[in-house]
């Protein structure tokens, strides 16, 4: 299976939970280096838009822990599988949060071929 198929299968049915829920969609570029300029370009945001980097563990912390009460054990397992699939398919995995209030989230890394790929979603934080 392709990286895209593996990631889409792992994310199938999952929604990023915030004040509104958004699906995960696949992102792939020909770029070989992940930097803020690339992230802004993918997000279609202007220079100067706030960007914050974090980890996949931090991003999904409430969705991978069923004891938090936020998700069922089944959903927690699905999010754990998504994180594991991202880590196995991509190297140098980093989460980029772009903007404020309506935050575009990119979980990006490098494929075995050296291209930038990953998943995107959105958070609403008021």
PDB file of N, CA and C in Angstrom:
ATOM      1  N   UNK A   1       0.834  -1.195   0.000  1.00  0.00           N
ATOM      2  CA  UNK A   1       0.000   0.000   0.000  1.00  0.00           C
ATOM      3  C   UNK A   1       0.876   1.254   0.000  1.00  0.00           C
ATOM      4  N   UNK A   2       0.346   2.323  -0.558  1.00  0.00           N
ATOM      5  CA  UNK A   2       1.087   3.581  -0.594  1.00  0.00           C
ATOM      6  C   UNK A   2       1.003   4.288   0.754  1.00  0.00           C
ATOM      7  N   UNK A   3       1.897   5.243   0.948  1.00  0.00           N
ATOM      8  CA  UNK A   3       1.866   6.053   2.169  1.00  0.00           C
ATOM      9  C   UNK A   3       0.501   6.722   2.295  1.00  0.00           C
ATOM     10  N   UNK A   4       0.014   7.284   1.194  1.00  0.00           N
ATOM     11  CA  UNK A   4      -1.287   7.947   1.228  1.00  0.00           C
ATOM     12  C   UNK A   4      -2.374   6.981   1.686  1.00  0.00           C
ATOM     13  N   UNK A   5      -2.412   5.783   1.116  1.00  0.00           N
ATOM     14  CA  UNK A   5      -3.429   4.796   1.504  1.00  0.00           C
ATOM     15  C   UNK A   5      -3.313   4.424   2.969  1.00  0.00           C
ATOM     16  N   UNK A   6      -2.082   4.199   3.435  1.00  0.00           N
ATOM     17  CA  UNK A   6      -1.872   3.824   4.837  1.00  0.00           C
ATOM     18  C   UNK A   6      -2.338   4.922   5.788  1.00  0.00           C
ATOM     19  N   UNK A   7      -1.980   6.175   5.478  1.00  0.00           N
ATOM     20  CA  UNK A   7      -2.368   7.282   6.350  1.00  0.00           C
ATOM     21  C   UNK A   7      -3.873   7.533   6.300  1.00  0.00           C
ATOM     22  N   UNK A   8      -4.446   7.483   5.103  1.00  0.00           N
ATOM     23  CA  UNK A   8      -5.891   7.698   4.994  1.00  0.00           C
ATOM     24  C   UNK A   8      -6.668   6.591   5.700  1.00  0.00           C
ATOM     25  N   UNK A   9      -6.181   5.355   5.604  1.00  0.00           N
ATOM     26  CA  UNK A   9      -6.843   4.253   6.294  1.00  0.00           C
ATOM     27  C   UNK A   9      -6.754   4.438   7.810  1.00  0.00           C
ATOM     28  N   UNK A  10      -5.581   4.850   8.308  1.00  0.00           N
ATOM     29  CA  UNK A  10      -5.406   5.056   9.752  1.00  0.00           C
ATOM     30  C   UNK A  10      -6.283   6.196  10.265  1.00  0.00           C
ATOM     31  N   UNK A  11      -6.522   7.209   9.423  1.00  0.00           N
ATOM     32  CA  UNK A  11      -7.312   8.377   9.841  1.00  0.00           C
ATOM     33  C   UNK A  11      -8.801   8.228   9.531  1.00  0.00           C
ATOM     34  N   UNK A  12      -9.172   7.154   8.850  1.00  0.00           N
ATOM     35  CA  UNK A  12     -10.556   6.970   8.414  1.00  0.00           C
ATOM     36  C   UNK A  12     -11.532   7.052   9.588  1.00  0.00           C
ATOM     37  N   UNK A  13     -12.466   7.992   9.501  1.00  0.00           N
ATOM     38  CA  UNK A  13     -13.488   8.145  10.525  1.00  0.00           C
ATOM     39  C   UNK A  13     -13.078   8.982  11.723  1.00  0.00           C
ATOM     40  N   UNK A  14     -11.804   9.338  11.825  1.00  0.00           N
ATOM     41  CA  UNK A  14     -11.348  10.137  12.967  1.00  0.00           C
ATOM     42  C   UNK A  14     -11.584  11.620  12.712  1.00  0.00           C
ATOM     43  N   UNK A  15     -11.907  12.340  13.769  1.00  0.00           N
ATOM     44  CA  UNK A  15     -12.094  13.786  13.716  1.00  0.00           C
ATOM     45  C   UNK A  15     -11.205  14.418  14.777  1.00  0.00           C
ATOM     46  N   UNK A  16     -10.513  15.496  14.413  1.00  0.00           N
ATOM     47  CA  UNK A  16      -9.731  16.251  15.385  1.00  0.00           C
ATOM     48  C   UNK A  16     -10.709  17.010  16.257  1.00  0.00           C
ATOM     49  N   UNK A  17     -10.682  16.708  17.541  1.00  0.00           N
ATOM     50  CA  UNK A  17     -11.673  17.273  18.448  1.00  0.00           C
ATOM     51  C   UNK A  17     -11.189  18.588  19.046  1.00  0.00           C
ATOM     52  N   UNK A  18     -12.005  19.617  18.861  1.00  0.00           N
ATOM     53  CA  UNK A  18     -11.783  20.918  19.492  1.00  0.00           C
ATOM     54  C   UNK A  18     -13.176  21.518  19.660  1.00  0.00           C
ATOM     55  N   UNK A  19     -13.308  22.809  19.548  1.00  0.00           N
ATOM     56  CA  UNK A  19     -14.642  23.407  19.656  1.00  0.00           C
ATOM     57  C   UNK A  19     -15.513  23.041  18.453  1.00  0.00           C
ATOM     58  N   UNK A  20     -14.885  22.553  17.412  1.00  0.00           N
ATOM     59  CA  UNK A  20     -15.560  21.981  16.259  1.00  0.00           C
ATOM     60  C   UNK A  20     -14.680  20.833  15.789  1.00  0.00           C
ATOM     61  N   UNK A  21     -15.256  19.802  15.217  1.00  0.00           N
ATOM     62  CA  UNK A  21     -14.479  18.626  14.830  1.00  0.00           C
ATOM     63  C   UNK A  21     -14.191  18.646  13.333  1.00  0.00           C
ATOM     64  N   UNK A  22     -12.948  18.319  12.971  1.00  0.00           N
ATOM     65  CA  UNK A  22     -12.529  18.325  11.577  1.00  0.00           C
ATOM     66  C   UNK A  22     -11.832  17.020  11.233  1.00  0.00           C
ATOM     67  N   UNK A  23     -11.996  16.547   9.988  1.00  0.00           N
ATOM     68  CA  UNK A  23     -11.330  15.314   9.559  1.00  0.00           C
ATOM     69  C   UNK A  23      -9.845  15.548   9.287  1.00  0.00           C
ATOM     70  N   UNK A  24      -9.128  14.468   9.112  1.00  0.00           N
ATOM     71  CA  UNK A  24      -7.729  14.495   8.706  1.00  0.00           C
ATOM     72  C   UNK A  24      -7.681  14.227   7.206  1.00  0.00           C
ATOM     73  N   UNK A  25      -6.882  15.016   6.474  1.00  0.00           N
ATOM     74  CA  UNK A  25      -6.718  14.796   5.041  1.00  0.00           C
ATOM     75  C   UNK A  25      -5.234  14.696   4.715  1.00  0.00           C
ATOM     76  N   UNK A  26      -4.933  13.943   3.679  1.00  0.00           N
ATOM     77  CA  UNK A  26      -3.554  13.686   3.270  1.00  0.00           C
ATOM     78  C   UNK A  26      -2.963  14.902   2.564  1.00  0.00           C
ATOM     79  N   UNK A  27      -1.680  15.154   2.817  1.00  0.00           N
ATOM     80  CA  UNK A  27      -0.933  16.240   2.185  1.00  0.00           C
ATOM     81  C   UNK A  27       0.369  15.652   1.651  1.00  0.00           C
ATOM     82  N   UNK A  28       0.730  16.009   0.421  1.00  0.00           N
ATOM     83  CA  UNK A  28       2.007  15.568  -0.142  1.00  0.00           C
ATOM     84  C   UNK A  28       2.545  16.668  -1.048  1.00  0.00           C
ATOM     85  N   UNK A  29       3.840  16.907  -0.968  1.00  0.00           N
ATOM     86  CA  UNK A  29       4.472  17.912  -1.820  1.00  0.00           C
ATOM     87  C   UNK A  29       5.731  17.319  -2.444  1.00  0.00           C
ATOM     88  N   UNK A  30       6.277  18.025  -3.394  1.00  0.00           N
ATOM     89  CA  UNK A  30       7.558  17.639  -3.989  1.00  0.00           C
ATOM     90  C   UNK A  30       8.724  18.195  -3.182  1.00  0.00           C
ATOM     91  N   UNK A  31       8.412  19.026  -2.180  1.00  0.00           N
ATOM     92  CA  UNK A  31       9.460  19.657  -1.370  1.00  0.00           C
ATOM     93  C   UNK A  31      10.276  18.598  -0.646  1.00  0.00           C
ATOM     94  N   UNK A  32      11.526  18.915  -0.391  1.00  0.00           N
ATOM     95  CA  UNK A  32      12.445  18.002   0.291  1.00  0.00           C
ATOM     96  C   UNK A  32      12.789  18.480   1.693  1.00  0.00           C
ATOM     97  N   UNK A  33      12.403  19.719   2.021  1.00  0.00           N
ATOM     98  CA  UNK A  33      12.732  20.309   3.318  1.00  0.00           C
ATOM     99  C   UNK A  33      11.459  20.904   3.914  1.00  0.00           C
ATOM    100  N   UNK A  34      11.252  20.626   5.201  1.00  0.00           N
ATOM    101  CA  UNK A  34      10.105  21.204   5.900  1.00  0.00           C
ATOM    102  C   UNK A  34      10.580  22.452   6.631  1.00  0.00           C
ATOM    103  N   UNK A  35       9.991  23.594   6.301  1.00  0.00           N
ATOM    104  CA  UNK A  35      10.285  24.824   7.035  1.00  0.00           C
ATOM    105  C   UNK A  35       9.010  25.665   7.098  1.00  0.00           C
ATOM    106  N   UNK A  36       9.081  26.760   7.828  1.00  0.00           N
ATOM    107  CA  UNK A  36       7.892  27.601   8.009  1.00  0.00           C
ATOM    108  C   UNK A  36       7.354  28.132   6.687  1.00  0.00           C
ATOM    109  N   UNK A  37       8.241  28.472   5.748  1.00  0.00           N
ATOM    110  CA  UNK A  37       7.789  28.984   4.451  1.00  0.00           C
ATOM    111  C   UNK A  37       6.949  27.942   3.722  1.00  0.00           C
ATOM    112  N   UNK A  38       7.391  26.684   3.744  1.00  0.00           N
ATOM    113  CA  UNK A  38       6.632  25.614   3.099  1.00  0.00           C
ATOM    114  C   UNK A  38       5.274  25.431   3.774  1.00  0.00           C
ATOM    115  N   UNK A  39       5.266  25.440   5.093  1.00  0.00           N
ATOM    116  CA  UNK A  39       4.015  25.253   5.833  1.00  0.00           C
ATOM    117  C   UNK A  39       3.032  26.377   5.503  1.00  0.00           C
ATOM    118  N   UNK A  40       3.507  27.618   5.457  1.00  0.00           N
ATOM    119  CA  UNK A  40       2.631  28.741   5.091  1.00  0.00           C
ATOM    120  C   UNK A  40       2.101  28.588   3.668  1.00  0.00           C
ATOM    121  N   UNK A  41       2.948  28.100   2.769  1.00  0.00           N
ATOM    122  CA  UNK A  41       2.526  27.895   1.383  1.00  0.00           C
ATOM    123  C   UNK A  41       1.434  26.831   1.309  1.00  0.00           C
ATOM    124  N   UNK A  42       1.632  25.702   1.983  1.00  0.00           N
ATOM    125  CA  UNK A  42       0.625  24.633   1.979  1.00  0.00           C
ATOM    126  C   UNK A  42      -0.681  25.136   2.597  1.00  0.00           C
ATOM    127  N   UNK A  43      -0.559  25.942   3.650  1.00  0.00           N
ATOM    128  CA  UNK A  43      -1.740  26.469   4.348  1.00  0.00           C
ATOM    129  C   UNK A  43      -2.394  27.621   3.596  1.00  0.00           C
ATOM    130  N   UNK A  44      -1.713  28.146   2.578  1.00  0.00           N
ATOM    131  CA  UNK A  44      -2.190  29.317   1.828  1.00  0.00           C
ATOM    132  C   UNK A  44      -2.386  30.509   2.764  1.00  0.00           C
ATOM    133  N   UNK A  45      -1.405  30.717   3.640  1.00  0.00           N
ATOM    134  CA  UNK A  45      -1.428  31.829   4.602  1.00  0.00           C
ATOM    135  C   UNK A  45      -0.278  32.779   4.292  1.00  0.00           C
ATOM    136  N   UNK A  46      -0.444  34.070   4.598  1.00  0.00           N
ATOM    137  CA  UNK A  46       0.611  35.045   4.306  1.00  0.00           C
ATOM    138  C   UNK A  46       1.780  34.948   5.286  1.00  0.00           C
ATOM    139  N   UNK A  47       2.927  35.462   4.841  1.00  0.00           N
ATOM    140  CA  UNK A  47       4.080  35.583   5.738  1.00  0.00           C
ATOM    141  C   UNK A  47       3.646  36.361   6.967  1.00  0.00           C
ATOM    142  N   UNK A  48       4.178  35.995   8.112  1.00  0.00           N
ATOM    143  CA  UNK A  48       3.831  36.673   9.347  1.00  0.00           C
ATOM    144  C   UNK A  48       2.714  35.993  10.116  1.00  0.00           C
ATOM    145  N   UNK A  49       2.034  35.025   9.483  1.00  0.00           N
ATOM    146  CA  UNK A  49       1.014  34.257  10.205  1.00  0.00           C
ATOM    147  C   UNK A  49       1.719  33.452  11.293  1.00  0.00           C
ATOM    148  N   UNK A  50       1.203  33.474  12.524  1.00  0.00           N
ATOM    149  CA  UNK A  50       1.866  32.735  13.607  1.00  0.00           C
ATOM    150  C   UNK A  50       1.946  31.236  13.318  1.00  0.00           C
ATOM    151  N   UNK A  51       3.126  30.656  13.581  1.00  0.00           N
ATOM    152  CA  UNK A  51       3.348  29.212  13.451  1.00  0.00           C
ATOM    153  C   UNK A  51       3.957  28.713  14.746  1.00  0.00           C
ATOM    154  N   UNK A  52       3.410  27.622  15.238  1.00  0.00           N
ATOM    155  CA  UNK A  52       3.935  26.981  16.444  1.00  0.00           C
ATOM    156  C   UNK A  52       4.227  25.521  16.109  1.00  0.00           C
ATOM    157  N   UNK A  53       5.360  25.017  16.589  1.00  0.00           N
ATOM    158  CA  UNK A  53       5.690  23.606  16.404  1.00  0.00           C
ATOM    159  C   UNK A  53       5.433  22.848  17.694  1.00  0.00           C
ATOM    160  N   UNK A  54       4.953  21.613  17.541  1.00  0.00           N
ATOM    161  CA  UNK A  54       4.751  20.749  18.692  1.00  0.00           C
ATOM    162  C   UNK A  54       4.970  19.307  18.249  1.00  0.00           C
ATOM    163  N   UNK A  55       4.641  18.369  19.105  1.00  0.00           N
ATOM    164  CA  UNK A  55       4.828  16.952  18.793  1.00  0.00           C
ATOM    165  C   UNK A  55       3.479  16.289  18.548  1.00  0.00           C
ATOM    166  N   UNK A  56       3.515  15.146  17.900  1.00  0.00           N
ATOM    167  CA  UNK A  56       2.294  14.373  17.683  1.00  0.00           C
ATOM    168  C   UNK A  56       1.703  13.933  19.017  1.00  0.00           C
ATOM    169  N   UNK A  57       2.567  13.612  19.971  1.00  0.00           N
ATOM    170  CA  UNK A  57       2.090  13.186  21.293  1.00  0.00           C
ATOM    171  C   UNK A  57       1.315  14.309  21.977  1.00  0.00           C
ATOM    172  N   UNK A  58       1.842  15.531  21.884  1.00  0.00           N
ATOM    173  CA  UNK A  58       1.161  16.667  22.505  1.00  0.00           C
ATOM    174  C   UNK A  58      -0.166  16.957  21.796  1.00  0.00           C
ATOM    175  N   UNK A  59      -0.141  16.951  20.476  1.00  0.00           N
ATOM    176  CA  UNK A  59      -1.352  17.246  19.711  1.00  0.00           C
ATOM    177  C   UNK A  59      -2.478  16.273  20.042  1.00  0.00           C
ATOM    178  N   UNK A  60      -2.151  14.993  20.135  1.00  0.00           N
ATOM    179  CA  UNK A  60      -3.179  13.963  20.301  1.00  0.00           C
ATOM    180  C   UNK A  60      -3.350  13.504  21.744  1.00  0.00           C
ATOM    181  N   UNK A  61      -2.755  14.215  22.694  1.00  0.00           N
ATOM    182  CA  UNK A  61      -2.716  13.750  24.086  1.00  0.00           C
ATOM    183  C   UNK A  61      -4.089  13.408  24.660  1.00  0.00           C
ATOM    184  N   UNK A  62      -5.107  14.185  24.367  1.00  0.00           N
ATOM    185  CA  UNK A  62      -6.437  13.904  24.916  1.00  0.00           C
ATOM    186  C   UNK A  62      -7.186  12.839  24.125  1.00  0.00           C
ATOM    187  N   UNK A  63      -6.764  12.599  22.886  1.00  0.00           N
ATOM    188  CA  UNK A  63      -7.452  11.626  22.044  1.00  0.00           C
ATOM    189  C   UNK A  63      -6.857  10.223  22.150  1.00  0.00           C
ATOM    190  N   UNK A  64      -5.648  10.097  22.674  1.00  0.00           N
ATOM    191  CA  UNK A  64      -5.018   8.776  22.782  1.00  0.00           C
ATOM    192  C   UNK A  64      -5.148   8.179  24.174  1.00  0.00           C
ATOM    193  N   UNK A  65      -5.737   8.915  25.102  1.00  0.00           N
ATOM    194  CA  UNK A  65      -5.847   8.478  26.494  1.00  0.00           C
ATOM    195  C   UNK A  65      -7.319   8.332  26.869  1.00  0.00           C
ATOM    196  N   UNK A  66      -7.804   7.096  26.860  1.00  0.00           N
ATOM    197  CA  UNK A  66      -9.212   6.854  27.182  1.00  0.00           C
ATOM    198  C   UNK A  66      -9.541   7.248  28.618  1.00  0.00           C
ATOM    199  N   UNK A  67      -8.541   7.231  29.505  1.00  0.00           N
ATOM    200  CA  UNK A  67      -8.802   7.579  30.907  1.00  0.00           C
ATOM    201  C   UNK A  67      -9.088   9.071  31.089  1.00  0.00           C
ATOM    202  N   UNK A  68      -8.813   9.882  30.055  1.00  0.00           N
ATOM    203  CA  UNK A  68      -9.098  11.319  30.142  1.00  0.00           C
ATOM    204  C   UNK A  68     -10.599  11.586  30.122  1.00  0.00           C
ATOM    205  N   UNK A  69     -11.370  10.609  29.666  1.00  0.00           N
ATOM    206  CA  UNK A  69     -12.813  10.790  29.570  1.00  0.00           C
ATOM    207  C   UNK A  69     -13.253  11.486  28.296  1.00  0.00           C
ATOM    208  N   UNK A  70     -12.306  11.934  27.482  1.00  0.00           N
ATOM    209  CA  UNK A  70     -12.638  12.636  26.242  1.00  0.00           C
ATOM    210  C   UNK A  70     -13.065  11.680  25.133  1.00  0.00           C
ATOM    211  N   UNK A  71     -12.529  10.454  25.170  1.00  0.00           N
ATOM    212  CA  UNK A  71     -12.785   9.491  24.097  1.00  0.00           C
ATOM    213  C   UNK A  71     -12.994   8.099  24.676  1.00  0.00           C
ATOM    214  N   UNK A  72     -13.628   7.259  23.879  1.00  0.00           N
ATOM    215  CA  UNK A  72     -13.811   5.862  24.267  1.00  0.00           C
ATOM    216  C   UNK A  72     -12.497   5.105  24.059  1.00  0.00           C
ATOM    217  N   UNK A  73     -12.337   3.941  24.677  1.00  0.00           N
ATOM    218  CA  UNK A  73     -11.130   3.141  24.432  1.00  0.00           C
ATOM    219  C   UNK A  73     -10.933   2.824  22.948  1.00  0.00           C
ATOM    220  N   UNK A  74     -12.018   2.578  22.217  1.00  0.00           N
ATOM    221  CA  UNK A  74     -11.903   2.271  20.790  1.00  0.00           C
ATOM    222  C   UNK A  74     -11.331   3.463  20.018  1.00  0.00           C
ATOM    223  N   UNK A  75     -11.852   4.656  20.282  1.00  0.00           N
ATOM    224  CA  UNK A  75     -11.361   5.861  19.594  1.00  0.00           C
ATOM    225  C   UNK A  75      -9.919   6.144  20.002  1.00  0.00           C
ATOM    226  N   UNK A  76      -9.586   5.963  21.279  1.00  0.00           N
ATOM    227  CA  UNK A  76      -8.203   6.152  21.734  1.00  0.00           C
ATOM    228  C   UNK A  76      -7.272   5.221  20.970  1.00  0.00           C
ATOM    229  N   UNK A  77      -7.686   3.968  20.773  1.00  0.00           N
ATOM    230  CA  UNK A  77      -6.867   3.016  20.014  1.00  0.00           C
ATOM    231  C   UNK A  77      -6.704   3.455  18.570  1.00  0.00           C
ATOM    232  N   UNK A  78      -7.758   4.011  17.966  1.00  0.00           N
ATOM    233  CA  UNK A  78      -7.665   4.494  16.588  1.00  0.00           C
ATOM    234  C   UNK A  78      -6.674   5.658  16.486  1.00  0.00           C
ATOM    235  N   UNK A  79      -6.713   6.583  17.450  1.00  0.00           N
ATOM    236  CA  UNK A  79      -5.766   7.699  17.437  1.00  0.00           C
ATOM    237  C   UNK A  79      -4.342   7.213  17.695  1.00  0.00           C
ATOM    238  N   UNK A  80      -4.174   6.223  18.571  1.00  0.00           N
ATOM    239  CA  UNK A  80      -2.849   5.643  18.800  1.00  0.00           C
ATOM    240  C   UNK A  80      -2.326   5.011  17.516  1.00  0.00           C
ATOM    241  N   UNK A  81      -3.206   4.343  16.772  1.00  0.00           N
ATOM    242  CA  UNK A  81      -2.824   3.738  15.504  1.00  0.00           C
ATOM    243  C   UNK A  81      -2.439   4.806  14.480  1.00  0.00           C
ATOM    244  N   UNK A  82      -3.180   5.905  14.434  1.00  0.00           N
ATOM    245  CA  UNK A  82      -2.838   7.003  13.519  1.00  0.00           C
ATOM    246  C   UNK A  82      -1.448   7.539  13.838  1.00  0.00           C
ATOM    247  N   UNK A  83      -1.169   7.786  15.116  1.00  0.00           N
ATOM    248  CA  UNK A  83       0.151   8.294  15.513  1.00  0.00           C
ATOM    249  C   UNK A  83       1.240   7.297  15.138  1.00  0.00           C
ATOM    250  N   UNK A  84       1.011   6.015  15.387  1.00  0.00           N
ATOM    251  CA  UNK A  84       2.008   4.988  15.065  1.00  0.00           C
ATOM    252  C   UNK A  84       2.235   4.896  13.556  1.00  0.00           C
ATOM    253  N   UNK A  85       1.171   5.014  12.775  1.00  0.00           N
ATOM    254  CA  UNK A  85       1.294   4.953  11.318  1.00  0.00           C
ATOM    255  C   UNK A  85       2.076   6.152  10.798  1.00  0.00           C
ATOM    256  N   UNK A  86       1.780   7.338  11.306  1.00  0.00           N
ATOM    257  CA  UNK A  86       2.539   8.529  10.911  1.00  0.00           C
ATOM    258  C   UNK A  86       4.020   8.351  11.225  1.00  0.00           C
ATOM    259  N   UNK A  87       4.319   7.837  12.418  1.00  0.00           N
ATOM    260  CA  UNK A  87       5.716   7.649  12.829  1.00  0.00           C
ATOM    261  C   UNK A  87       6.413   6.590  11.986  1.00  0.00           C
ATOM    262  N   UNK A  88       5.693   5.562  11.562  1.00  0.00           N
ATOM    263  CA  UNK A  88       6.333   4.501  10.781  1.00  0.00           C
ATOM    264  C   UNK A  88       6.514   4.899   9.316  1.00  0.00           C
ATOM    265  N   UNK A  89       5.636   5.743   8.803  1.00  0.00           N
ATOM    266  CA  UNK A  89       5.694   6.126   7.388  1.00  0.00           C
ATOM    267  C   UNK A  89       6.580   7.342   7.122  1.00  0.00           C
ATOM    268  N   UNK A  90       6.751   8.200   8.137  1.00  0.00           N
ATOM    269  CA  UNK A  90       7.448   9.474   7.932  1.00  0.00           C
ATOM    270  C   UNK A  90       8.558   9.664   8.958  1.00  0.00           C
ATOM    271  N   UNK A  91       9.675  10.205   8.520  1.00  0.00           N
ATOM    272  CA  UNK A  91      10.758  10.554   9.448  1.00  0.00           C
ATOM    273  C   UNK A  91      10.692  12.051   9.737  1.00  0.00           C
ATOM    274  N   UNK A  92      11.380  12.478  10.790  1.00  0.00           N
ATOM    275  CA  UNK A  92      11.406  13.892  11.189  1.00  0.00           C
ATOM    276  C   UNK A  92       9.996  14.455  11.368  1.00  0.00           C
ATOM    277  N   UNK A  93       9.116  13.677  11.970  1.00  0.00           N
ATOM    278  CA  UNK A  93       7.716  14.063  12.136  1.00  0.00           C
ATOM    279  C   UNK A  93       7.591  15.265  13.068  1.00  0.00           C
ATOM    280  N   UNK A  94       6.915  16.306  12.585  1.00  0.00           N
ATOM    281  CA  UNK A  94       6.694  17.521  13.367  1.00  0.00           C
ATOM    282  C   UNK A  94       5.273  18.009  13.117  1.00  0.00           C
ATOM    283  N   UNK A  95       4.666  18.561  14.149  1.00  0.00           N
ATOM    284  CA  UNK A  95       3.333  19.147  14.032  1.00  0.00           C
ATOM    285  C   UNK A  95       3.487  20.663  13.965  1.00  0.00           C
ATOM    286  N   UNK A  96       2.832  21.266  12.985  1.00  0.00           N
ATOM    287  CA  UNK A  96       2.834  22.715  12.815  1.00  0.00           C
ATOM    288  C   UNK A  96       1.415  23.219  13.016  1.00  0.00           C
ATOM    289  N   UNK A  97       1.281  24.209  13.893  1.00  0.00           N
ATOM    290  CA  UNK A  97      -0.004  24.878  14.141  1.00  0.00           C
ATOM    291  C   UNK A  97       0.095  26.267  13.515  1.00  0.00           C
ATOM    292  N   UNK A  98      -0.783  26.556  12.562  1.00  0.00           N
ATOM    293  CA  UNK A  98      -0.715  27.796  11.794  1.00  0.00           C
ATOM    294  C   UNK A  98      -1.950  28.639  12.081  1.00  0.00           C
ATOM    295  N   UNK A  99      -1.712  29.863  12.573  1.00  0.00           N
ATOM    296  CA  UNK A  99      -2.803  30.788  12.825  1.00  0.00           C
ATOM    297  C   UNK A  99      -3.275  30.740  14.264  1.00  0.00           C
ATOM    298  N   UNK A 100      -4.309  31.523  14.512  1.00  0.00           N
ATOM    299  CA  UNK A 100      -4.906  31.617  15.843  1.00  0.00           C
ATOM    300  C   UNK A 100      -6.414  31.510  15.696  1.00  0.00           C
ATOM    301  N   UNK A 101      -7.082  31.020  16.673  1.00  0.00           N
ATOM    302  CA  UNK A 101      -8.524  30.767  16.727  1.00  0.00           C
ATOM    303  C   UNK A 101      -8.881  29.634  15.752  1.00  0.00           C
ATOM    304  N   UNK A 102      -8.860  29.887  14.442  1.00  0.00           N
ATOM    305  CA  UNK A 102      -9.019  28.813  13.457  1.00  0.00           C
ATOM    306  C   UNK A 102      -7.616  28.367  13.068  1.00  0.00           C
ATOM    307  N   UNK A 103      -7.147  27.317  13.718  1.00  0.00           N
ATOM    308  CA  UNK A 103      -5.756  26.881  13.587  1.00  0.00           C
ATOM    309  C   UNK A 103      -5.665  25.741  12.575  1.00  0.00           C
ATOM    310  N   UNK A 104      -4.895  25.959  11.510  1.00  0.00           N
ATOM    311  CA  UNK A 104      -4.602  24.883  10.569  1.00  0.00           C
ATOM    312  C   UNK A 104      -3.482  24.042  11.165  1.00  0.00           C
ATOM    313  N   UNK A 105      -3.682  22.730  11.207  1.00  0.00           N
ATOM    314  CA  UNK A 105      -2.711  21.825  11.809  1.00  0.00           C
ATOM    315  C   UNK A 105      -2.149  20.919  10.721  1.00  0.00           C
ATOM    316  N   UNK A 106      -0.817  20.866  10.650  1.00  0.00           N
ATOM    317  CA  UNK A 106      -0.131  20.009   9.691  1.00  0.00           C
ATOM    318  C   UNK A 106       0.788  19.071  10.452  1.00  0.00           C
ATOM    319  N   UNK A 107       0.624  17.776  10.234  1.00  0.00           N
ATOM    320  CA  UNK A 107       1.499  16.754  10.811  1.00  0.00           C
ATOM    321  C   UNK A 107       2.366  16.292   9.651  1.00  0.00           C
ATOM    322  N   UNK A 108       3.597  16.793   9.587  1.00  0.00           N
ATOM    323  CA  UNK A 108       4.435  16.595   8.411  1.00  0.00           C
ATOM    324  C   UNK A 108       5.728  15.870   8.742  1.00  0.00           C
ATOM    325  N   UNK A 109       6.207  15.125   7.771  1.00  0.00           N
ATOM    326  CA  UNK A 109       7.493  14.453   7.874  1.00  0.00           C
ATOM    327  C   UNK A 109       7.994  14.158   6.474  1.00  0.00           C
ATOM    328  N   UNK A 110       9.070  13.388   6.403  1.00  0.00           N
ATOM    329  CA  UNK A 110       9.667  13.035   5.118  1.00  0.00           C
ATOM    330  C   UNK A 110       9.368  11.580   4.784  1.00  0.00           C
ATOM    331  N   UNK A 111       8.974  11.347   3.533  1.00  0.00           N
ATOM    332  CA  UNK A 111       8.764   9.983   3.061  1.00  0.00           C
ATOM    333  C   UNK A 111      10.118   9.317   2.853  1.00  0.00           C
ATOM    334  N   UNK A 112      10.101   8.020   2.592  1.00  0.00           N
ATOM    335  CA  UNK A 112      11.351   7.300   2.304  1.00  0.00           C
ATOM    336  C   UNK A 112      12.038   7.862   1.065  1.00  0.00           C
ATOM    337  N   UNK A 113      11.252   8.462   0.160  1.00  0.00           N
ATOM    338  CA  UNK A 113      11.803   9.084  -1.052  1.00  0.00           C
ATOM    339  C   UNK A 113      12.332  10.489  -0.785  1.00  0.00           C
ATOM    340  N   UNK A 114      12.075  11.017   0.416  1.00  0.00           N
ATOM    341  CA  UNK A 114      12.579  12.333   0.784  1.00  0.00           C
ATOM    342  C   UNK A 114      11.625  13.482   0.530  1.00  0.00           C
ATOM    343  N   UNK A 115      10.376  13.185   0.170  1.00  0.00           N
ATOM    344  CA  UNK A 115       9.386  14.243  -0.049  1.00  0.00           C
ATOM    345  C   UNK A 115       8.627  14.538   1.237  1.00  0.00           C
ATOM    346  N   UNK A 116       8.146  15.764   1.354  1.00  0.00           N
ATOM    347  CA  UNK A 116       7.345  16.166   2.510  1.00  0.00           C
ATOM    348  C   UNK A 116       5.911  15.671   2.312  1.00  0.00           C
ATOM    349  N   UNK A 117       5.391  14.997   3.336  1.00  0.00           N
ATOM    350  CA  UNK A 117       4.018  14.492   3.294  1.00  0.00           C
ATOM    351  C   UNK A 117       3.476  14.429   4.713  1.00  0.00           C
ATOM    352  N   UNK A 118       2.189  14.151   4.830  1.00  0.00           N
ATOM    353  CA  UNK A 118       1.581  14.007   6.144  1.00  0.00           C
ATOM    354  C   UNK A 118       0.088  14.221   6.092  1.00  0.00           C
ATOM    355  N   UNK A 119      -0.451  14.710   7.189  1.00  0.00           N
ATOM    356  CA  UNK A 119      -1.888  14.928   7.318  1.00  0.00           C
ATOM    357  C   UNK A 119      -2.139  16.363   7.768  1.00  0.00           C
ATOM    358  N   UNK A 120      -3.316  16.858   7.398  1.00  0.00           N
ATOM    359  CA  UNK A 120      -3.724  18.180   7.867  1.00  0.00           C
ATOM    360  C   UNK A 120      -5.112  18.075   8.472  1.00  0.00           C
ATOM    361  N   UNK A 121      -5.389  18.995   9.394  1.00  0.00           N
ATOM    362  CA  UNK A 121      -6.698  19.096  10.014  1.00  0.00           C
ATOM    363  C   UNK A 121      -6.845  20.520  10.526  1.00  0.00           C
ATOM    364  N   UNK A 122      -7.845  20.770  11.327  1.00  0.00           N
ATOM    365  CA  UNK A 122      -8.082  22.124  11.827  1.00  0.00           C
ATOM    366  C   UNK A 122      -8.540  22.048  13.272  1.00  0.00           C
ATOM    367  N   UNK A 123      -8.173  23.052  14.043  1.00  0.00           N
ATOM    368  CA  UNK A 123      -8.636  23.227  15.417  1.00  0.00           C
ATOM    369  C   UNK A 123      -9.340  24.570  15.521  1.00  0.00           C
ATOM    370  N   UNK A 124     -10.368  24.634  16.344  1.00  0.00           N
ATOM    371  CA  UNK A 124     -11.002  25.908  16.673  1.00  0.00           C
ATOM    372  C   UNK A 124     -10.721  26.153  18.149  1.00  0.00           C
ATOM    373  N   UNK A 125     -10.019  27.253  18.442  1.00  0.00           N
ATOM    374  CA  UNK A 125      -9.637  27.582  19.819  1.00  0.00           C
ATOM    375  C   UNK A 125     -10.019  29.028  20.100  1.00  0.00           C
ATOM    376  N   UNK A 126     -11.077  29.218  20.876  1.00  0.00           N
ATOM    377  CA  UNK A 126     -11.506  30.587  21.186  1.00  0.00           C
ATOM    378  C   UNK A 126     -11.202  30.925  22.621  1.00  0.00           C
TER     379      UNK A 126
END
